[in-house]
């Protein structure tokens, strides 16, 4: 079965945050610092160290309504910063 085409399925952005929720990498160029500490997906992922799902909201980097998903990522490839979360 094929996946639905946009606007039914799309990715607003892929990014990485540090452990205090500042976005350190983003597909979309950022004009300033973005912190997602108040987002449910980040809080769930940090607490459970597992996949987190947010609520319907406006994405700060794009202004587009979305549902955020988060998954913890750790490894030496991010040693320049420290452990990070994939958001």
C-alpha atoms as a PDB file:
ATOM      1  CA  UNK A   1       0.000   0.000   0.000  1.00  0.00           C
ATOM      2  CA  UNK A   2       1.406   3.379  -1.003  1.00  0.00           C
ATOM      3  CA  UNK A   3       1.667   6.236   1.467  1.00  0.00           C
ATOM      4  CA  UNK A   4      -0.667   9.200   0.913  1.00  0.00           C
ATOM      5  CA  UNK A   5       0.753  12.173  -0.939  1.00  0.00           C
ATOM      6  CA  UNK A   6       1.005  15.646   0.632  1.00  0.00           C
ATOM      7  CA  UNK A   7      -0.842  17.462   2.122  1.00  0.00           C
ATOM      8  CA  UNK A   8      -1.872  14.275   3.949  1.00  0.00           C
ATOM      9  CA  UNK A   9       1.680  13.247   4.766  1.00  0.00           C
ATOM     10  CA  UNK A  10       4.634  15.580   5.004  1.00  0.00           C
ATOM     11  CA  UNK A  11       7.669  16.340   7.136  1.00  0.00           C
ATOM     12  CA  UNK A  12       7.882  19.926   8.376  1.00  0.00           C
ATOM     13  CA  UNK A  13      11.508  19.675   9.560  1.00  0.00           C
ATOM     14  CA  UNK A  14      14.168  17.358  10.967  1.00  0.00           C
ATOM     15  CA  UNK A  15      16.427  18.606  13.697  1.00  0.00           C
ATOM     16  CA  UNK A  16      18.610  17.819  16.691  1.00  0.00           C
ATOM     17  CA  UNK A  17      18.506  19.402  20.133  1.00  0.00           C
ATOM     18  CA  UNK A  18      20.869  19.295  23.060  1.00  0.00           C
ATOM     19  CA  UNK A  19      19.744  18.005  26.459  1.00  0.00           C
ATOM     20  CA  UNK A  20      18.500  21.411  27.532  1.00  0.00           C
ATOM     21  CA  UNK A  21      16.275  21.557  24.433  1.00  0.00           C
ATOM     22  CA  UNK A  22      18.086  24.087  22.246  1.00  0.00           C
ATOM     23  CA  UNK A  23      17.949  23.178  18.561  1.00  0.00           C
ATOM     24  CA  UNK A  24      21.557  22.642  17.428  1.00  0.00           C
ATOM     25  CA  UNK A  25      20.840  21.351  13.918  1.00  0.00           C
ATOM     26  CA  UNK A  26      17.882  21.869  11.601  1.00  0.00           C
ATOM     27  CA  UNK A  27      16.943  21.232   7.973  1.00  0.00           C
ATOM     28  CA  UNK A  28      15.415  24.695   7.977  1.00  0.00           C
ATOM     29  CA  UNK A  29      17.823  27.600   8.458  1.00  0.00           C
ATOM     30  CA  UNK A  30      17.149  29.220  11.824  1.00  0.00           C
ATOM     31  CA  UNK A  31      17.313  32.955  12.436  1.00  0.00           C
ATOM     32  CA  UNK A  32      17.813  32.612  16.190  1.00  0.00           C
ATOM     33  CA  UNK A  33      17.854  30.126  19.043  1.00  0.00           C
ATOM     34  CA  UNK A  34      14.853  27.857  19.435  1.00  0.00           C
ATOM     35  CA  UNK A  35      14.203  26.001  22.672  1.00  0.00           C
ATOM     36  CA  UNK A  36      11.650  23.201  22.796  1.00  0.00           C
ATOM     37  CA  UNK A  37      11.816  22.339  26.516  1.00  0.00           C
ATOM     38  CA  UNK A  38       8.091  23.029  26.868  1.00  0.00           C
ATOM     39  CA  UNK A  39       7.126  20.621  24.054  1.00  0.00           C
ATOM     40  CA  UNK A  40       5.477  17.366  25.085  1.00  0.00           C
ATOM     41  CA  UNK A  41       7.509  15.242  22.644  1.00  0.00           C
ATOM     42  CA  UNK A  42      10.805  16.528  24.104  1.00  0.00           C
ATOM     43  CA  UNK A  43       9.647  16.060  27.705  1.00  0.00           C
ATOM     44  CA  UNK A  44       8.447  12.485  27.044  1.00  0.00           C
ATOM     45  CA  UNK A  45      11.641  11.516  25.256  1.00  0.00           C
ATOM     46  CA  UNK A  46      13.881  12.992  27.939  1.00  0.00           C
ATOM     47  CA  UNK A  47      11.904  11.331  30.739  1.00  0.00           C
ATOM     48  CA  UNK A  48      11.377   7.888  29.154  1.00  0.00           C
ATOM     49  CA  UNK A  49      14.475   7.788  26.937  1.00  0.00           C
ATOM     50  CA  UNK A  50      12.194   6.490  24.208  1.00  0.00           C
ATOM     51  CA  UNK A  51       9.980   7.675  21.359  1.00  0.00           C
ATOM     52  CA  UNK A  52       7.813  10.699  22.239  1.00  0.00           C
ATOM     53  CA  UNK A  53       4.771  12.167  20.514  1.00  0.00           C
ATOM     54  CA  UNK A  54       3.705  15.758  20.943  1.00  0.00           C
ATOM     55  CA  UNK A  55       0.354  17.457  20.572  1.00  0.00           C
ATOM     56  CA  UNK A  56      -1.024  19.405  17.608  1.00  0.00           C
ATOM     57  CA  UNK A  57       0.731  22.789  17.680  1.00  0.00           C
ATOM     58  CA  UNK A  58       2.388  25.448  15.571  1.00  0.00           C
ATOM     59  CA  UNK A  59       6.005  24.505  14.849  1.00  0.00           C
ATOM     60  CA  UNK A  60       8.264  27.375  15.958  1.00  0.00           C
ATOM     61  CA  UNK A  61      10.814  27.124  13.149  1.00  0.00           C
ATOM     62  CA  UNK A  62       8.240  27.129  10.348  1.00  0.00           C
ATOM     63  CA  UNK A  63       5.009  28.544  11.744  1.00  0.00           C
ATOM     64  CA  UNK A  64       3.258  25.491  10.267  1.00  0.00           C
ATOM     65  CA  UNK A  65       0.754  23.438  12.292  1.00  0.00           C
ATOM     66  CA  UNK A  66       2.280  20.041  13.059  1.00  0.00           C
ATOM     67  CA  UNK A  67       2.609  17.143  15.464  1.00  0.00           C
ATOM     68  CA  UNK A  68       6.165  16.775  16.770  1.00  0.00           C
ATOM     69  CA  UNK A  69       7.841  13.409  17.163  1.00  0.00           C
ATOM     70  CA  UNK A  70      11.047  12.813  19.118  1.00  0.00           C
ATOM     71  CA  UNK A  71      13.502   9.963  19.549  1.00  0.00           C
ATOM     72  CA  UNK A  72      16.650   9.910  21.711  1.00  0.00           C
ATOM     73  CA  UNK A  73      19.944   9.660  19.852  1.00  0.00           C
ATOM     74  CA  UNK A  74      23.259   9.119  21.599  1.00  0.00           C
ATOM     75  CA  UNK A  75      26.723   8.387  20.305  1.00  0.00           C
ATOM     76  CA  UNK A  76      30.237   9.624  19.788  1.00  0.00           C
ATOM     77  CA  UNK A  77      29.318  11.370  16.531  1.00  0.00           C
ATOM     78  CA  UNK A  78      27.812  14.111  18.697  1.00  0.00           C
ATOM     79  CA  UNK A  79      30.659  14.264  21.215  1.00  0.00           C
ATOM     80  CA  UNK A  80      31.425  17.879  20.248  1.00  0.00           C
ATOM     81  CA  UNK A  81      28.234  18.898  22.043  1.00  0.00           C
ATOM     82  CA  UNK A  82      27.087  15.950  24.202  1.00  0.00           C
ATOM     83  CA  UNK A  83      24.234  13.503  23.998  1.00  0.00           C
ATOM     84  CA  UNK A  84      21.386  14.882  21.942  1.00  0.00           C
ATOM     85  CA  UNK A  85      17.790  14.207  21.058  1.00  0.00           C
ATOM     86  CA  UNK A  86      16.533  13.832  17.519  1.00  0.00           C
ATOM     87  CA  UNK A  87      13.407  15.954  17.119  1.00  0.00           C
END
